[in-house]
Amino acid sequence: MAAEAISMPGVGIRWDHHDEAASRTGALQMVRGFGLAMPPRSIHPPALTSNHISGRAIDMTIRWSGVIELPRKDGSAVTVTWTPNVNSNLGLHDVGASYGVRKLRSDAPHWSFNGR
């Protein structure tokens, strides 16, 4: 399985440890070390082509307490109440969309230009 991983110029990752258990351990260390959102935290596995790769997506955690007022791009204000489930916070999604940043509702930290 690890032997099937594609090496890429400029990416110094040792995918194949010549032992499946060691390769899995190395991959898990990388996931933990970089804080990668892997299943079950995300239902989307990593990919070689994505909005992240092209610089058109970001994973971010947004937190505040209570109620805040946020400006839309057009200057109008929206009152947004914090909720622990960002995927259901439609007020926050609305503000982001006004700036061209859309929420992927199936992946908590993911925002992009097209919502994917």
N, C-alpha and C. Protein backbone atom coordinates (compact mmCIF):
# COMPACT_ATOMS: atom_id res chain seq x y z
N MET A 1 0.82 -1.19 0.00
CA MET A 1 0.00 0.00 0.00
C MET A 1 0.87 1.26 0.00
N ALA A 2 1.82 1.39 0.96
CA ALA A 2 2.68 2.57 1.01
C ALA A 2 3.57 2.65 -0.21
N ALA A 3 3.96 1.49 -0.75
CA ALA A 3 4.81 1.46 -1.93
C ALA A 3 4.11 2.08 -3.13
N GLU A 4 2.78 2.17 -3.09
CA GLU A 4 2.01 2.75 -4.18
C GLU A 4 1.94 4.27 -4.11
N ALA A 5 2.37 4.85 -2.98
CA ALA A 5 2.34 6.31 -2.83
C ALA A 5 3.31 6.93 -3.83
N ILE A 6 2.89 8.02 -4.42
CA ILE A 6 3.67 8.69 -5.46
C ILE A 6 4.62 9.70 -4.83
N SER A 7 5.91 9.58 -5.14
CA SER A 7 6.87 10.59 -4.70
C SER A 7 6.71 11.83 -5.55
N MET A 8 6.91 12.99 -4.93
CA MET A 8 6.78 14.25 -5.65
C MET A 8 8.03 15.09 -5.41
N PRO A 9 8.58 15.69 -6.45
CA PRO A 9 9.75 16.55 -6.26
C PRO A 9 9.45 17.67 -5.27
N GLY A 10 10.38 17.89 -4.36
CA GLY A 10 10.22 18.97 -3.38
C GLY A 10 9.42 18.59 -2.15
N VAL A 11 8.89 17.36 -2.11
CA VAL A 11 8.12 16.90 -0.95
C VAL A 11 8.93 15.81 -0.28
N GLY A 12 9.56 16.14 0.83
CA GLY A 12 10.45 15.22 1.51
C GLY A 12 9.73 14.32 2.49
N ILE A 13 8.76 13.57 2.02
CA ILE A 13 8.03 12.64 2.88
C ILE A 13 8.41 11.22 2.52
N ARG A 14 8.78 10.47 3.52
CA ARG A 14 9.11 9.05 3.30
C ARG A 14 7.82 8.26 3.48
N TRP A 15 7.20 7.89 2.38
CA TRP A 15 5.92 7.17 2.42
C TRP A 15 6.11 5.70 2.74
N ASP A 16 7.10 5.08 2.12
CA ASP A 16 7.28 3.64 2.24
C ASP A 16 8.39 3.34 3.23
N HIS A 17 8.03 2.72 4.35
CA HIS A 17 9.00 2.33 5.38
C HIS A 17 9.37 0.86 5.23
N HIS A 18 8.99 0.24 4.11
CA HIS A 18 9.27 -1.16 3.80
C HIS A 18 8.64 -2.13 4.78
N ASP A 19 7.64 -1.65 5.48
CA ASP A 19 6.87 -2.47 6.42
C ASP A 19 5.54 -1.75 6.60
N GLU A 20 4.43 -2.45 6.37
CA GLU A 20 3.13 -1.77 6.39
C GLU A 20 2.84 -1.13 7.75
N ALA A 21 3.15 -1.81 8.84
CA ALA A 21 2.89 -1.24 10.16
C ALA A 21 3.72 0.02 10.38
N ALA A 22 4.99 -0.01 9.98
CA ALA A 22 5.86 1.17 10.14
C ALA A 22 5.38 2.31 9.25
N SER A 23 4.92 1.99 8.05
CA SER A 23 4.40 3.03 7.15
C SER A 23 3.15 3.67 7.72
N ARG A 24 2.27 2.87 8.30
CA ARG A 24 1.05 3.41 8.93
C ARG A 24 1.41 4.28 10.13
N THR A 25 2.37 3.83 10.93
CA THR A 25 2.81 4.62 12.09
C THR A 25 3.37 5.97 11.63
N GLY A 26 4.18 5.95 10.58
CA GLY A 26 4.74 7.20 10.04
C GLY A 26 3.65 8.13 9.54
N ALA A 27 2.65 7.58 8.87
CA ALA A 27 1.54 8.40 8.37
C ALA A 27 0.75 9.00 9.53
N LEU A 28 0.50 8.22 10.57
CA LEU A 28 -0.24 8.72 11.73
C LEU A 28 0.55 9.82 12.45
N GLN A 29 1.87 9.67 12.53
CA GLN A 29 2.70 10.72 13.13
C GLN A 29 2.58 12.02 12.33
N MET A 30 2.53 11.91 11.01
CA MET A 30 2.40 13.09 10.17
C MET A 30 1.02 13.74 10.37
N VAL A 31 -0.03 12.93 10.44
CA VAL A 31 -1.38 13.45 10.67
C VAL A 31 -1.42 14.22 11.98
N ARG A 32 -0.88 13.62 13.03
CA ARG A 32 -0.88 14.28 14.35
C ARG A 32 0.02 15.51 14.38
N GLY A 33 1.20 15.39 13.79
CA GLY A 33 2.17 16.48 13.80
C GLY A 33 1.68 17.72 13.07
N PHE A 34 0.96 17.53 11.98
CA PHE A 34 0.44 18.66 11.21
C PHE A 34 -0.99 19.01 11.56
N GLY A 35 -1.62 18.24 12.47
CA GLY A 35 -3.00 18.52 12.85
C GLY A 35 -3.97 18.35 11.69
N LEU A 36 -3.73 17.35 10.85
CA LEU A 36 -4.57 17.15 9.67
C LEU A 36 -5.97 16.69 10.06
N ALA A 37 -6.97 17.18 9.35
CA ALA A 37 -8.37 16.80 9.60
C ALA A 37 -8.69 15.56 8.78
N MET A 38 -8.46 14.43 9.37
CA MET A 38 -8.70 13.14 8.71
C MET A 38 -9.97 12.54 9.29
N PRO A 39 -10.59 11.61 8.56
CA PRO A 39 -11.75 10.91 9.12
C PRO A 39 -11.37 10.34 10.49
N PRO A 40 -12.22 10.44 11.50
CA PRO A 40 -13.61 10.86 11.46
C PRO A 40 -13.84 12.36 11.64
N ARG A 41 -12.80 13.17 11.90
CA ARG A 41 -13.01 14.62 12.05
C ARG A 41 -13.48 15.24 10.74
N SER A 42 -13.09 14.70 9.65
CA SER A 42 -13.51 15.15 8.33
C SER A 42 -13.93 13.93 7.54
N ILE A 43 -14.97 14.05 6.75
CA ILE A 43 -15.38 12.90 5.92
C ILE A 43 -14.66 12.92 4.58
N HIS A 44 -13.80 13.92 4.37
CA HIS A 44 -13.11 14.07 3.10
C HIS A 44 -11.65 13.68 3.25
N PRO A 45 -11.20 12.62 2.59
CA PRO A 45 -9.79 12.25 2.68
C PRO A 45 -8.92 13.24 1.92
N PRO A 46 -7.62 13.30 2.22
CA PRO A 46 -6.73 14.21 1.52
C PRO A 46 -6.67 13.89 0.02
N ALA A 47 -6.34 14.89 -0.77
CA ALA A 47 -6.29 14.71 -2.22
C ALA A 47 -5.10 15.47 -2.80
N LEU A 48 -4.68 15.07 -3.98
CA LEU A 48 -3.60 15.77 -4.66
C LEU A 48 -4.11 16.96 -5.45
N THR A 49 -5.40 17.01 -5.71
CA THR A 49 -6.00 18.17 -6.36
C THR A 49 -7.17 18.62 -5.49
N SER A 50 -7.16 19.86 -5.10
CA SER A 50 -8.23 20.38 -4.24
C SER A 50 -8.18 21.90 -4.28
N ASN A 51 -9.20 22.51 -3.73
CA ASN A 51 -9.19 23.96 -3.59
C ASN A 51 -8.06 24.40 -2.66
N HIS A 52 -7.67 23.56 -1.71
CA HIS A 52 -6.53 23.90 -0.84
C HIS A 52 -5.25 23.97 -1.65
N ILE A 53 -5.03 22.98 -2.50
CA ILE A 53 -3.81 22.91 -3.30
C ILE A 53 -3.70 24.15 -4.20
N SER A 54 -4.82 24.58 -4.76
CA SER A 54 -4.80 25.74 -5.66
C SER A 54 -4.87 27.07 -4.92
N GLY A 55 -4.89 27.03 -3.57
CA GLY A 55 -4.92 28.26 -2.79
C GLY A 55 -6.29 28.93 -2.75
N ARG A 56 -7.35 28.16 -2.97
CA ARG A 56 -8.69 28.73 -3.01
C ARG A 56 -9.58 28.19 -1.89
N ALA A 57 -8.96 27.61 -0.85
CA ALA A 57 -9.70 27.10 0.31
C ALA A 57 -8.82 27.19 1.54
N ILE A 58 -9.48 27.25 2.69
CA ILE A 58 -8.76 27.29 3.96
C ILE A 58 -9.57 26.51 5.00
N ASP A 59 -8.88 25.86 5.90
CA ASP A 59 -9.51 25.25 7.06
C ASP A 59 -9.20 26.15 8.24
N MET A 60 -10.25 26.59 8.92
CA MET A 60 -10.03 27.47 10.07
C MET A 60 -11.14 27.25 11.09
N THR A 61 -10.78 27.42 12.33
CA THR A 61 -11.74 27.33 13.42
C THR A 61 -12.06 28.76 13.85
N ILE A 62 -13.34 29.08 13.92
CA ILE A 62 -13.78 30.42 14.27
C ILE A 62 -14.54 30.31 15.59
N ARG A 63 -14.08 31.05 16.60
CA ARG A 63 -14.73 31.00 17.91
C ARG A 63 -14.89 32.41 18.46
N TRP A 64 -15.97 32.60 19.17
CA TRP A 64 -16.20 33.81 19.95
C TRP A 64 -17.23 33.42 21.00
N SER A 65 -17.58 34.32 21.87
CA SER A 65 -18.62 34.02 22.85
C SER A 65 -19.78 34.99 22.67
N GLY A 66 -20.97 34.49 22.89
CA GLY A 66 -22.16 35.33 22.84
C GLY A 66 -22.57 35.72 21.42
N VAL A 67 -22.86 37.01 21.28
CA VAL A 67 -23.36 37.56 20.02
C VAL A 67 -22.39 38.64 19.53
N ILE A 68 -22.09 38.62 18.24
CA ILE A 68 -21.24 39.66 17.66
C ILE A 68 -21.93 40.24 16.44
N GLU A 69 -21.51 41.43 16.07
CA GLU A 69 -22.01 42.06 14.85
C GLU A 69 -20.88 42.03 13.82
N LEU A 70 -21.18 41.47 12.67
CA LEU A 70 -20.17 41.34 11.61
C LEU A 70 -20.62 42.10 10.37
N PRO A 71 -19.68 42.74 9.70
CA PRO A 71 -20.04 43.45 8.47
C PRO A 71 -20.03 42.52 7.25
N ARG A 72 -21.04 42.64 6.42
CA ARG A 72 -21.00 42.00 5.10
C ARG A 72 -20.13 42.88 4.21
N LYS A 73 -19.76 42.36 3.07
CA LYS A 73 -18.92 43.11 2.14
C LYS A 73 -19.57 44.42 1.70
N ASP A 74 -20.91 44.43 1.59
CA ASP A 74 -21.61 45.65 1.16
C ASP A 74 -21.72 46.70 2.27
N GLY A 75 -21.17 46.39 3.45
CA GLY A 75 -21.19 47.34 4.56
C GLY A 75 -22.34 47.14 5.53
N SER A 76 -23.34 46.38 5.16
CA SER A 76 -24.45 46.12 6.08
C SER A 76 -23.95 45.18 7.18
N ALA A 77 -24.60 45.25 8.33
CA ALA A 77 -24.17 44.46 9.48
C ALA A 77 -25.14 43.31 9.74
N VAL A 78 -24.58 42.23 10.26
CA VAL A 78 -25.36 41.05 10.62
C VAL A 78 -25.01 40.69 12.06
N THR A 79 -26.02 40.41 12.86
CA THR A 79 -25.79 39.92 14.22
C THR A 79 -25.71 38.41 14.16
N VAL A 80 -24.61 37.87 14.69
CA VAL A 80 -24.38 36.43 14.62
C VAL A 80 -24.13 35.90 16.03
N THR A 81 -24.87 34.88 16.40
CA THR A 81 -24.72 34.23 17.70
C THR A 81 -23.80 33.03 17.54
N TRP A 82 -22.86 32.89 18.48
CA TRP A 82 -21.95 31.76 18.44
C TRP A 82 -22.72 30.48 18.69
N THR A 83 -22.32 29.43 17.98
CA THR A 83 -22.84 28.08 18.20
C THR A 83 -21.67 27.12 18.07
N PRO A 84 -21.65 26.05 18.86
CA PRO A 84 -20.53 25.11 18.75
C PRO A 84 -20.49 24.37 17.42
N ASN A 85 -21.58 24.36 16.69
CA ASN A 85 -21.61 23.68 15.39
C ASN A 85 -21.56 24.72 14.28
N VAL A 86 -20.36 25.02 13.80
CA VAL A 86 -20.19 26.04 12.75
C VAL A 86 -20.94 25.67 11.48
N ASN A 87 -21.14 24.38 11.25
CA ASN A 87 -21.84 23.95 10.05
C ASN A 87 -23.30 24.40 10.03
N SER A 88 -23.87 24.69 11.18
CA SER A 88 -25.26 25.13 11.23
C SER A 88 -25.40 26.64 11.45
N ASN A 89 -24.29 27.35 11.52
CA ASN A 89 -24.35 28.79 11.78
C ASN A 89 -24.55 29.56 10.47
N LEU A 90 -25.80 29.62 10.02
CA LEU A 90 -26.11 30.21 8.72
C LEU A 90 -25.80 31.70 8.66
N GLY A 91 -25.88 32.40 9.79
CA GLY A 91 -25.51 33.81 9.80
C GLY A 91 -24.05 34.03 9.46
N LEU A 92 -23.19 33.19 10.03
CA LEU A 92 -21.76 33.27 9.72
C LEU A 92 -21.51 32.89 8.27
N HIS A 93 -22.21 31.87 7.78
CA HIS A 93 -22.07 31.47 6.38
C HIS A 93 -22.46 32.63 5.45
N ASP A 94 -23.52 33.34 5.82
CA ASP A 94 -23.99 34.47 5.01
C ASP A 94 -22.93 35.56 4.91
N VAL A 95 -22.30 35.88 6.03
CA VAL A 95 -21.26 36.90 6.02
C VAL A 95 -20.09 36.45 5.15
N GLY A 96 -19.65 35.22 5.32
CA GLY A 96 -18.56 34.70 4.50
C GLY A 96 -18.89 34.76 3.02
N ALA A 97 -20.10 34.34 2.67
CA ALA A 97 -20.52 34.32 1.26
C ALA A 97 -20.51 35.73 0.66
N SER A 98 -20.79 36.74 1.47
CA SER A 98 -20.78 38.10 0.93
C SER A 98 -19.38 38.51 0.48
N TYR A 99 -18.35 37.86 1.03
CA TYR A 99 -16.96 38.11 0.63
C TYR A 99 -16.46 37.09 -0.39
N GLY A 100 -17.33 36.18 -0.82
CA GLY A 100 -16.93 35.15 -1.77
C GLY A 100 -16.30 33.93 -1.13
N VAL A 101 -16.53 33.74 0.16
CA VAL A 101 -16.00 32.59 0.89
C VAL A 101 -17.18 31.76 1.35
N ARG A 102 -17.26 30.53 0.85
CA ARG A 102 -18.42 29.69 1.13
C ARG A 102 -18.05 28.52 2.04
N LYS A 103 -18.99 28.14 2.88
CA LYS A 103 -18.79 27.08 3.87
C LYS A 103 -19.17 25.72 3.29
N LEU A 104 -18.29 24.73 3.47
CA LEU A 104 -18.64 23.35 3.16
C LEU A 104 -19.25 22.78 4.44
N ARG A 105 -20.55 22.57 4.44
CA ARG A 105 -21.26 22.22 5.67
C ARG A 105 -20.99 20.81 6.16
N SER A 106 -20.32 19.99 5.39
CA SER A 106 -20.00 18.64 5.85
C SER A 106 -18.59 18.54 6.42
N ASP A 107 -17.85 19.66 6.49
CA ASP A 107 -16.47 19.64 6.96
C ASP A 107 -16.25 20.88 7.82
N ALA A 108 -16.27 20.71 9.14
CA ALA A 108 -16.31 21.84 10.07
C ALA A 108 -15.32 22.98 9.77
N PRO A 109 -14.05 22.72 9.53
CA PRO A 109 -13.17 23.88 9.36
C PRO A 109 -13.09 24.44 7.94
N HIS A 110 -13.74 23.80 6.97
CA HIS A 110 -13.48 24.10 5.55
C HIS A 110 -14.33 25.24 4.98
N TRP A 111 -13.64 26.23 4.40
CA TRP A 111 -14.25 27.35 3.68
C TRP A 111 -13.51 27.48 2.35
N SER A 112 -14.23 27.82 1.28
CA SER A 112 -13.58 27.96 -0.02
C SER A 112 -14.35 28.91 -0.91
N PHE A 113 -13.81 29.14 -2.11
CA PHE A 113 -14.45 30.05 -3.04
C PHE A 113 -15.75 29.48 -3.59
N ASN A 114 -15.90 28.15 -3.56
CA ASN A 114 -17.12 27.54 -4.14
C ASN A 114 -17.84 26.59 -3.18
N GLY A 115 -17.40 26.52 -1.93
CA GLY A 115 -18.07 25.66 -0.96
C GLY A 115 -17.74 24.19 -1.10
N ARG A 116 -16.69 23.87 -1.87
CA ARG A 116 -16.25 22.46 -1.99
C ARG A 116 -14.79 22.37 -1.62
